[in-house]
Amino acid sequence: MRPLAVVLLAAGKGTRMKSELPKVLHRLAGRPLVFYPLDLALALEARKIAIVVGHQAERVKRTVRRGYTQRRVEFVLQEKQEGTGHAVLQAKTALRGFTGDVLILSGDIPLLTPATIRKFLRQHRQSSPGLSLVTCDLENPTGYGRCLVDARGRLREIVEEKDATPEQRLIREINAGIYLMDAKLLWWALSRIGKDNAQGEMYLTDIAGVVRRRGKTIRVFKAADSHEVMGINTRAELARANRLYKKIKTAR
């Protein structure tokens, strides 16, 4: 089996949480949000785990180190908030010399299960595309990047909502922000994305277009349960995630 590395994005301010506390340190069922995807990375036996920190970096690092005293996790700093693509690029040094697949996760997806991500990994390794990513259908896709597919069902590109046309905003299939690709191809693709967009940032989503233009295939894995890939951006979403988490635990 190919080696696996995980890049965990935990640098954002989480402005919509309206709190001084970094978003990834808000608690779900008594534990910081960032602990959940980190648990997942450990369950997958990732050879390397790089956590990208930025806003209140030292506070995030202290919290993780207290919770995972016996685990080796490397932190990398994103000094300026220049987009998700820029955030991942900061992990290049930490993953120097690594050859294998890189799984990119957000620090605010607490309900994603090892079973789902293992299916995602298995699909990727069986078909060997240039890039695999997780999508899901939402009744209300507001706020998410939309997935544009061609007539044969292949991913053409991902358009962030702020850059989408009114027609594109009607698309319900959204990008869940979970990516998997070969390390060498990842760094090559990131070196070719720019900031020509509404935010003036390096969008990680732009790697889809770069990979496609190189002639590589892009494989979509559609999550059966959209709750698993829901990100936490507001206090209302955090409260909802807490309710869902309790239901899941009760059902087990």
C-alpha atoms as a PDB file:
ATOM      1  CA  MET A   1       0.000   0.000   0.000  1.00  0.00           C
ATOM      2  CA  ARG A   2       1.253   3.467  -0.867  1.00  0.00           C
ATOM      3  CA  PRO A   3       2.386   5.638   2.059  1.00  0.00           C
ATOM      4  CA  LEU A   4      -0.034   8.317   3.216  1.00  0.00           C
ATOM      5  CA  ALA A   5       0.610  11.814   4.555  1.00  0.00           C
ATOM      6  CA  VAL A   6      -2.069  14.148   5.898  1.00  0.00           C
ATOM      7  CA  VAL A   7      -2.125  17.939   5.683  1.00  0.00           C
ATOM      8  CA  LEU A   8      -4.602  19.360   8.169  1.00  0.00           C
ATOM      9  CA  LEU A   9      -5.699  22.966   7.597  1.00  0.00           C
ATOM     10  CA  ALA A  10      -6.151  24.829  10.881  1.00  0.00           C
ATOM     11  CA  ALA A  11      -4.907  28.347  10.169  1.00  0.00           C
ATOM     12  CA  GLY A  12      -8.126  30.301   9.647  1.00  0.00           C
ATOM     13  CA  LYS A  13      -9.595  32.937  11.948  1.00  0.00           C
ATOM     14  CA  GLY A  14     -13.149  31.638  11.763  1.00  0.00           C
ATOM     15  CA  THR A  15     -14.549  35.173  11.627  1.00  0.00           C
ATOM     16  CA  ARG A  16     -18.155  33.996  11.410  1.00  0.00           C
ATOM     17  CA  MET A  17     -17.866  32.266  14.796  1.00  0.00           C
ATOM     18  CA  LYS A  18     -17.757  35.811  16.265  1.00  0.00           C
ATOM     19  CA  SER A  19     -15.292  34.745  18.926  1.00  0.00           C
ATOM     20  CA  GLU A  20     -11.700  35.436  19.947  1.00  0.00           C
ATOM     21  CA  LEU A  21     -11.165  31.689  20.140  1.00  0.00           C
ATOM     22  CA  PRO A  22      -9.677  30.152  16.959  1.00  0.00           C
ATOM     23  CA  LYS A  23     -12.381  28.249  15.114  1.00  0.00           C
ATOM     24  CA  VAL A  24     -10.634  24.877  15.364  1.00  0.00           C
ATOM     25  CA  LEU A  25     -10.515  25.189  19.163  1.00  0.00           C
ATOM     26  CA  HIS A  26     -14.272  25.550  19.585  1.00  0.00           C
ATOM     27  CA  ARG A  27     -15.577  22.421  21.247  1.00  0.00           C
ATOM     28  CA  LEU A  28     -17.808  19.630  20.068  1.00  0.00           C
ATOM     29  CA  ALA A  29     -18.824  17.133  22.762  1.00  0.00           C
ATOM     30  CA  GLY A  30     -16.186  18.681  25.016  1.00  0.00           C
ATOM     31  CA  ARG A  31     -13.256  18.346  22.606  1.00  0.00           C
ATOM     32  CA  PRO A  32     -11.674  20.916  20.240  1.00  0.00           C
ATOM     33  CA  LEU A  33     -12.857  20.579  16.648  1.00  0.00           C
ATOM     34  CA  VAL A  34      -9.331  19.999  15.361  1.00  0.00           C
ATOM     35  CA  PHE A  35      -9.023  16.816  17.455  1.00  0.00           C
ATOM     36  CA  TYR A  36     -11.561  14.989  15.267  1.00  0.00           C
ATOM     37  CA  PRO A  37      -9.764  15.137  11.898  1.00  0.00           C
ATOM     38  CA  LEU A  38      -6.496  14.568  13.765  1.00  0.00           C
ATOM     39  CA  ASP A  39      -7.973  11.380  15.261  1.00  0.00           C
ATOM     40  CA  LEU A  40      -8.905  10.393  11.731  1.00  0.00           C
ATOM     41  CA  ALA A  41      -5.372  10.952  10.435  1.00  0.00           C
ATOM     42  CA  LEU A  42      -4.000   8.793  13.227  1.00  0.00           C
ATOM     43  CA  ALA A  43      -6.583   6.066  12.572  1.00  0.00           C
ATOM     44  CA  LEU A  44      -5.410   5.973   8.950  1.00  0.00           C
ATOM     45  CA  GLU A  45      -1.845   5.414  10.211  1.00  0.00           C
ATOM     46  CA  ALA A  46      -0.542   8.353   8.211  1.00  0.00           C
ATOM     47  CA  ARG A  47       3.224   8.317   7.959  1.00  0.00           C
ATOM     48  CA  LYS A  48       3.381  12.113   8.255  1.00  0.00           C
ATOM     49  CA  ILE A  49       0.882  14.599   9.686  1.00  0.00           C
ATOM     50  CA  ALA A  50       1.393  18.328   9.087  1.00  0.00           C
ATOM     51  CA  ILE A  51      -0.979  20.791  10.751  1.00  0.00           C
ATOM     52  CA  VAL A  52      -1.042  24.221   9.126  1.00  0.00           C
ATOM     53  CA  VAL A  53      -1.558  26.895  11.777  1.00  0.00           C
ATOM     54  CA  GLY A  54      -1.873  30.649  11.474  1.00  0.00           C
ATOM     55  CA  HIS A  55      -4.359  32.612  13.562  1.00  0.00           C
ATOM     56  CA  GLN A  56      -3.290  32.306  17.230  1.00  0.00           C
ATOM     57  CA  ALA A  57      -0.855  29.625  16.124  1.00  0.00           C
ATOM     58  CA  GLU A  58       0.786  29.122  19.517  1.00  0.00           C
ATOM     59  CA  ARG A  59      -2.572  28.610  21.198  1.00  0.00           C
ATOM     60  CA  VAL A  60      -3.575  25.972  18.669  1.00  0.00           C
ATOM     61  CA  LYS A  61      -0.207  24.221  18.992  1.00  0.00           C
ATOM     62  CA  ARG A  62      -0.406  24.155  22.805  1.00  0.00           C
ATOM     63  CA  THR A  63      -3.880  22.647  22.718  1.00  0.00           C
ATOM     64  CA  VAL A  64      -2.893  19.918  20.275  1.00  0.00           C
ATOM     65  CA  ARG A  65       0.295  19.076  22.161  1.00  0.00           C
ATOM     66  CA  ARG A  66      -1.617  18.721  25.429  1.00  0.00           C
ATOM     67  CA  GLY A  67      -4.122  16.374  23.812  1.00  0.00           C
ATOM     68  CA  TYR A  68      -1.601  14.307  21.854  1.00  0.00           C
ATOM     69  CA  THR A  69       1.481  14.166  24.043  1.00  0.00           C
ATOM     70  CA  GLN A  70       2.633  10.804  22.688  1.00  0.00           C
ATOM     71  CA  ARG A  71       1.973  11.560  19.034  1.00  0.00           C
ATOM     72  CA  ARG A  72       4.391  13.113  16.554  1.00  0.00           C
ATOM     73  CA  VAL A  73       2.638  15.907  14.706  1.00  0.00           C
ATOM     74  CA  GLU A  74       4.527  18.594  12.817  1.00  0.00           C
ATOM     75  CA  PHE A  75       3.228  22.155  12.729  1.00  0.00           C
ATOM     76  CA  VAL A  76       3.782  24.547   9.850  1.00  0.00           C
ATOM     77  CA  LEU A  77       3.007  28.245   9.943  1.00  0.00           C
ATOM     78  CA  GLN A  78       0.958  30.189   7.410  1.00  0.00           C
ATOM     79  CA  GLU A  79       2.004  33.713   8.374  1.00  0.00           C
ATOM     80  CA  LYS A  80      -0.285  35.494   5.917  1.00  0.00           C
ATOM     81  CA  GLN A  81      -3.818  34.335   5.118  1.00  0.00           C
ATOM     82  CA  GLU A  82      -3.431  34.016   1.343  1.00  0.00           C
ATOM     83  CA  GLY A  83      -5.859  31.220   0.663  1.00  0.00           C
ATOM     84  CA  THR A  84      -6.209  27.464   1.059  1.00  0.00           C
ATOM     85  CA  GLY A  85      -3.770  26.700  -1.753  1.00  0.00           C
ATOM     86  CA  HIS A  86      -1.164  28.866  -0.059  1.00  0.00           C
ATOM     87  CA  ALA A  87      -1.892  27.106   3.251  1.00  0.00           C
ATOM     88  CA  VAL A  88      -1.205  23.655   1.793  1.00  0.00           C
ATOM     89  CA  LEU A  89       1.951  24.916   0.107  1.00  0.00           C
ATOM     90  CA  GLN A  90       3.368  25.756   3.550  1.00  0.00           C
ATOM     91  CA  ALA A  91       3.452  22.015   4.307  1.00  0.00           C
ATOM     92  CA  LYS A  92       5.860  21.273   1.456  1.00  0.00           C
ATOM     93  CA  THR A  93       8.935  21.587   3.670  1.00  0.00           C
ATOM     94  CA  ALA A  94       7.437  19.357   6.372  1.00  0.00           C
ATOM     95  CA  LEU A  95       6.750  16.699   3.735  1.00  0.00           C
ATOM     96  CA  ARG A  96      10.123  17.016   2.015  1.00  0.00           C
ATOM     97  CA  GLY A  97      11.260  13.605   0.813  1.00  0.00           C
ATOM     98  CA  PHE A  98       7.815  12.047   1.205  1.00  0.00           C
ATOM     99  CA  THR A  99       6.670   9.938  -1.738  1.00  0.00           C
ATOM    100  CA  GLY A 100       3.103   8.717  -1.695  1.00  0.00           C
ATOM    101  CA  ASP A 101      -0.412  10.095  -1.425  1.00  0.00           C
ATOM    102  CA  VAL A 102      -1.263  13.322   0.382  1.00  0.00           C
ATOM    103  CA  LEU A 103      -4.699  13.628   1.976  1.00  0.00           C
ATOM    104  CA  ILE A 104      -5.826  17.202   2.634  1.00  0.00           C
ATOM    105  CA  LEU A 105      -8.395  17.736   5.393  1.00  0.00           C
ATOM    106  CA  SER A 106      -9.926  20.784   7.030  1.00  0.00           C
ATOM    107  CA  GLY A 107      -9.705  21.267  10.778  1.00  0.00           C
ATOM    108  CA  ASP A 108     -13.446  21.867  11.111  1.00  0.00           C
ATOM    109  CA  ILE A 109     -14.981  18.586   9.881  1.00  0.00           C
ATOM    110  CA  PRO A 110     -15.656  16.645  13.091  1.00  0.00           C
ATOM    111  CA  LEU A 111     -18.197  14.118  11.797  1.00  0.00           C
ATOM    112  CA  LEU A 112     -16.131  12.513   9.022  1.00  0.00           C
ATOM    113  CA  THR A 113     -15.686   8.798   9.755  1.00  0.00           C
ATOM    114  CA  PRO A 114     -12.718   6.494   9.110  1.00  0.00           C
ATOM    115  CA  ALA A 115     -15.048   4.158   7.179  1.00  0.00           C
ATOM    116  CA  THR A 116     -15.950   6.855   4.646  1.00  0.00           C
ATOM    117  CA  ILE A 117     -12.403   8.081   4.172  1.00  0.00           C
ATOM    118  CA  ARG A 118     -11.104   4.521   3.760  1.00  0.00           C
ATOM    119  CA  LYS A 119     -13.612   4.008   0.929  1.00  0.00           C
ATOM    120  CA  PHE A 120     -12.335   7.233  -0.599  1.00  0.00           C
ATOM    121  CA  LEU A 121      -8.726   6.035  -0.339  1.00  0.00           C
ATOM    122  CA  ARG A 122      -9.616   2.640  -1.802  1.00  0.00           C
ATOM    123  CA  GLN A 123     -11.382   4.185  -4.806  1.00  0.00           C
ATOM    124  CA  HIS A 124      -8.415   6.448  -5.484  1.00  0.00           C
ATOM    125  CA  ARG A 125      -5.880   3.652  -5.301  1.00  0.00           C
ATOM    126  CA  GLN A 126      -7.913   1.341  -7.506  1.00  0.00           C
ATOM    127  CA  SER A 127      -8.373   3.875 -10.324  1.00  0.00           C
ATOM    128  CA  SER A 128      -5.170   5.962  -9.908  1.00  0.00           C
ATOM    129  CA  PRO A 129      -6.504   9.355 -11.069  1.00  0.00           C
ATOM    130  CA  GLY A 130      -4.428  12.511 -10.958  1.00  0.00           C
ATOM    131  CA  LEU A 131      -6.700  13.913  -8.257  1.00  0.00           C
ATOM    132  CA  SER A 132      -9.553  12.589  -6.137  1.00  0.00           C
ATOM    133  CA  LEU A 133     -11.904  14.770  -4.133  1.00  0.00           C
ATOM    134  CA  VAL A 134     -14.999  14.366  -2.020  1.00  0.00           C
ATOM    135  CA  THR A 135     -18.290  15.979  -2.999  1.00  0.00           C
ATOM    136  CA  CYS A 136     -21.870  15.812  -1.768  1.00  0.00           C
ATOM    137  CA  ASP A 137     -25.281  17.141  -2.737  1.00  0.00           C
ATOM    138  CA  LEU A 138     -26.825  19.846  -0.564  1.00  0.00           C
ATOM    139  CA  GLU A 139     -30.354  21.182  -0.593  1.00  0.00           C
ATOM    140  CA  ASN A 140     -28.883  24.609   0.156  1.00  0.00           C
ATOM    141  CA  PRO A 141     -25.342  24.838  -1.251  1.00  0.00           C
ATOM    142  CA  THR A 142     -24.876  28.506  -0.320  1.00  0.00           C
ATOM    143  CA  GLY A 143     -21.325  29.275   0.728  1.00  0.00           C
ATOM    144  CA  TYR A 144     -19.690  26.263  -0.921  1.00  0.00           C
ATOM    145  CA  GLY A 145     -17.659  25.822  -4.091  1.00  0.00           C
ATOM    146  CA  ARG A 146     -19.711  24.243  -6.893  1.00  0.00           C
ATOM    147  CA  CYS A 147     -18.507  21.229  -8.882  1.00  0.00           C
ATOM    148  CA  LEU A 148     -18.856  21.593 -12.645  1.00  0.00           C
ATOM    149  CA  VAL A 149     -18.994  18.287 -14.499  1.00  0.00           C
ATOM    150  CA  ASP A 150     -19.054  17.558 -18.214  1.00  0.00           C
ATOM    151  CA  ALA A 151     -21.578  15.464 -20.156  1.00  0.00           C
ATOM    152  CA  ARG A 152     -19.697  12.275 -19.225  1.00  0.00           C
ATOM    153  CA  GLY A 153     -19.814  13.062 -15.530  1.00  0.00           C
ATOM    154  CA  ARG A 154     -16.146  14.024 -15.222  1.00  0.00           C
ATOM    155  CA  LEU A 155     -15.142  16.946 -13.052  1.00  0.00           C
ATOM    156  CA  ARG A 156     -14.214  19.955 -15.163  1.00  0.00           C
ATOM    157  CA  GLU A 157     -13.533  22.518 -12.462  1.00  0.00           C
ATOM    158  CA  ILE A 158     -14.588  23.821  -9.072  1.00  0.00           C
ATOM    159  CA  VAL A 159     -15.928  27.356  -8.860  1.00  0.00           C
ATOM    160  CA  GLU A 160     -15.965  29.231  -5.560  1.00  0.00           C
ATOM    161  CA  GLU A 161     -19.323  30.829  -4.817  1.00  0.00           C
ATOM    162  CA  LYS A 162     -17.934  34.372  -4.955  1.00  0.00           C
ATOM    163  CA  ASP A 163     -16.701  33.698  -8.495  1.00  0.00           C
ATOM    164  CA  ALA A 164     -19.732  31.682  -9.677  1.00  0.00           C
ATOM    165  CA  THR A 165     -22.329  32.880 -12.170  1.00  0.00           C
ATOM    166  CA  PRO A 166     -26.030  32.852 -11.160  1.00  0.00           C
ATOM    167  CA  GLU A 167     -26.480  29.627 -13.162  1.00  0.00           C
ATOM    168  CA  GLN A 168     -23.519  27.948 -11.474  1.00  0.00           C
ATOM    169  CA  ARG A 169     -24.884  28.844  -8.058  1.00  0.00           C
ATOM    170  CA  LEU A 170     -27.916  26.657  -8.804  1.00  0.00           C
ATOM    171  CA  ILE A 171     -25.690  23.553  -8.856  1.00  0.00           C
ATOM    172  CA  ARG A 172     -26.231  21.418  -5.734  1.00  0.00           C
ATOM    173  CA  GLU A 173     -23.110  19.259  -5.914  1.00  0.00           C
ATOM    174  CA  ILE A 174     -20.510  20.947  -3.759  1.00  0.00           C
ATOM    175  CA  ASN A 175     -16.855  20.528  -3.008  1.00  0.00           C
ATOM    176  CA  ALA A 176     -16.320  19.175   0.519  1.00  0.00           C
ATOM    177  CA  GLY A 177     -12.697  20.356   0.674  1.00  0.00           C
ATOM    178  CA  ILE A 178     -11.164  16.885   0.987  1.00  0.00           C
ATOM    179  CA  TYR A 179      -8.467  16.084  -1.587  1.00  0.00           C
ATOM    180  CA  LEU A 180      -6.131  13.201  -2.331  1.00  0.00           C
ATOM    181  CA  MET A 181      -3.267  13.119  -4.797  1.00  0.00           C
ATOM    182  CA  ASP A 182       0.336  12.115  -5.320  1.00  0.00           C
ATOM    183  CA  ALA A 183       2.746  14.372  -3.428  1.00  0.00           C
ATOM    184  CA  LYS A 184       4.899  15.234  -6.430  1.00  0.00           C
ATOM    185  CA  LEU A 185       1.867  16.142  -8.547  1.00  0.00           C
ATOM    186  CA  LEU A 186       0.407  18.186  -5.683  1.00  0.00           C
ATOM    187  CA  TRP A 187       3.456  20.451  -5.349  1.00  0.00           C
ATOM    188  CA  TRP A 188       3.682  20.806  -9.135  1.00  0.00           C
ATOM    189  CA  ALA A 189       0.005  21.797  -9.376  1.00  0.00           C
ATOM    190  CA  LEU A 190       0.222  24.270  -6.490  1.00  0.00           C
ATOM    191  CA  SER A 191       3.139  26.017  -8.176  1.00  0.00           C
ATOM    192  CA  ARG A 192       0.855  26.764 -11.121  1.00  0.00           C
ATOM    193  CA  ILE A 193      -2.149  28.360  -9.458  1.00  0.00           C
ATOM    194  CA  GLY A 194      -2.455  32.105  -9.091  1.00  0.00           C
ATOM    195  CA  LYS A 195      -4.591  34.717  -7.339  1.00  0.00           C
ATOM    196  CA  ASP A 196      -6.757  35.923 -10.224  1.00  0.00           C
ATOM    197  CA  ASN A 197     -10.076  35.704  -8.395  1.00  0.00           C
ATOM    198  CA  ALA A 198     -12.488  37.769  -6.305  1.00  0.00           C
ATOM    199  CA  GLN A 199     -10.496  37.247  -3.105  1.00  0.00           C
ATOM    200  CA  GLY A 200      -7.007  37.659  -4.552  1.00  0.00           C
ATOM    201  CA  GLU A 201      -6.011  34.359  -2.940  1.00  0.00           C
ATOM    202  CA  MET A 202      -4.538  31.001  -3.948  1.00  0.00           C
ATOM    203  CA  TYR A 203      -7.579  28.743  -4.087  1.00  0.00           C
ATOM    204  CA  LEU A 204      -6.810  25.082  -3.455  1.00  0.00           C
ATOM    205  CA  THR A 205      -9.771  24.305  -5.703  1.00  0.00           C
ATOM    206  CA  ASP A 206      -7.797  25.631  -8.686  1.00  0.00           C
ATOM    207  CA  ILE A 207      -5.604  22.524  -8.687  1.00  0.00           C
ATOM    208  CA  ALA A 208      -8.501  20.695 -10.363  1.00  0.00           C
ATOM    209  CA  GLY A 209      -8.159  22.815 -13.498  1.00  0.00           C
ATOM    210  CA  VAL A 210      -4.358  22.521 -13.451  1.00  0.00           C
ATOM    211  CA  VAL A 211      -4.508  18.726 -13.174  1.00  0.00           C
ATOM    212  CA  ARG A 212      -7.120  18.474 -15.921  1.00  0.00           C
ATOM    213  CA  ARG A 213      -5.095  20.651 -18.302  1.00  0.00           C
ATOM    214  CA  ARG A 214      -2.151  18.339 -17.786  1.00  0.00           C
ATOM    215  CA  GLY A 215      -4.307  15.508 -19.122  1.00  0.00           C
ATOM    216  CA  LYS A 216      -4.841  13.785 -15.779  1.00  0.00           C
ATOM    217  CA  THR A 217      -8.228  12.452 -14.710  1.00  0.00           C
ATOM    218  CA  ILE A 218     -10.123  13.771 -11.706  1.00  0.00           C
ATOM    219  CA  ARG A 219     -12.178  11.272  -9.739  1.00  0.00           C
ATOM    220  CA  VAL A 220     -15.103  12.359  -7.588  1.00  0.00           C
ATOM    221  CA  PHE A 221     -16.192  10.456  -4.498  1.00  0.00           C
ATOM    222  CA  LYS A 222     -19.701  11.499  -3.511  1.00  0.00           C
ATOM    223  CA  ALA A 223     -20.300  11.157   0.228  1.00  0.00           C
ATOM    224  CA  ALA A 224     -23.523   9.323   1.007  1.00  0.00           C
ATOM    225  CA  ASP A 225     -24.186  11.437   4.108  1.00  0.00           C
ATOM    226  CA  SER A 226     -23.619  15.166   3.707  1.00  0.00           C
ATOM    227  CA  HIS A 227     -23.483  15.555   7.493  1.00  0.00           C
ATOM    228  CA  GLU A 228     -20.140  13.780   7.557  1.00  0.00           C
ATOM    229  CA  VAL A 229     -18.445  16.449   5.485  1.00  0.00           C
ATOM    230  CA  MET A 230     -20.176  19.503   6.910  1.00  0.00           C
ATOM    231  CA  GLY A 231     -17.748  22.229   7.930  1.00  0.00           C
ATOM    232  CA  ILE A 232     -18.288  24.342  11.027  1.00  0.00           C
ATOM    233  CA  ASN A 233     -18.325  28.053  10.230  1.00  0.00           C
ATOM    234  CA  THR A 234     -20.871  29.505  12.651  1.00  0.00           C
ATOM    235  CA  ARG A 235     -22.089  28.908  16.192  1.00  0.00           C
ATOM    236  CA  ALA A 236     -25.391  27.651  14.766  1.00  0.00           C
ATOM    237  CA  GLU A 237     -23.538  25.036  12.704  1.00  0.00           C
ATOM    238  CA  LEU A 238     -21.530  24.036  15.766  1.00  0.00           C
ATOM    239  CA  ALA A 239     -24.728  23.561  17.764  1.00  0.00           C
ATOM    240  CA  ARG A 240     -26.185  21.475  14.950  1.00  0.00           C
ATOM    241  CA  ALA A 241     -23.038  19.340  14.782  1.00  0.00           C
ATOM    242  CA  ASN A 242     -23.235  18.754  18.533  1.00  0.00           C
ATOM    243  CA  ARG A 243     -26.812  17.515  18.174  1.00  0.00           C
ATOM    244  CA  LEU A 244     -25.867  15.224  15.293  1.00  0.00           C
ATOM    245  CA  TYR A 245     -22.867  13.886  17.177  1.00  0.00           C
ATOM    246  CA  LYS A 246     -25.038  12.998  20.184  1.00  0.00           C
ATOM    247  CA  LYS A 247     -27.535  11.215  17.928  1.00  0.00           C
ATOM    248  CA  ILE A 248     -24.749   9.217  16.301  1.00  0.00           C
ATOM    249  CA  LYS A 249     -23.314   8.202  19.679  1.00  0.00           C
ATOM    250  CA  THR A 250     -26.760   7.268  21.011  1.00  0.00           C
ATOM    251  CA  ALA A 251     -27.485   5.149  17.915  1.00  0.00           C
ATOM    252  CA  ARG A 252     -24.266   3.191  18.464  1.00  0.00           C
END
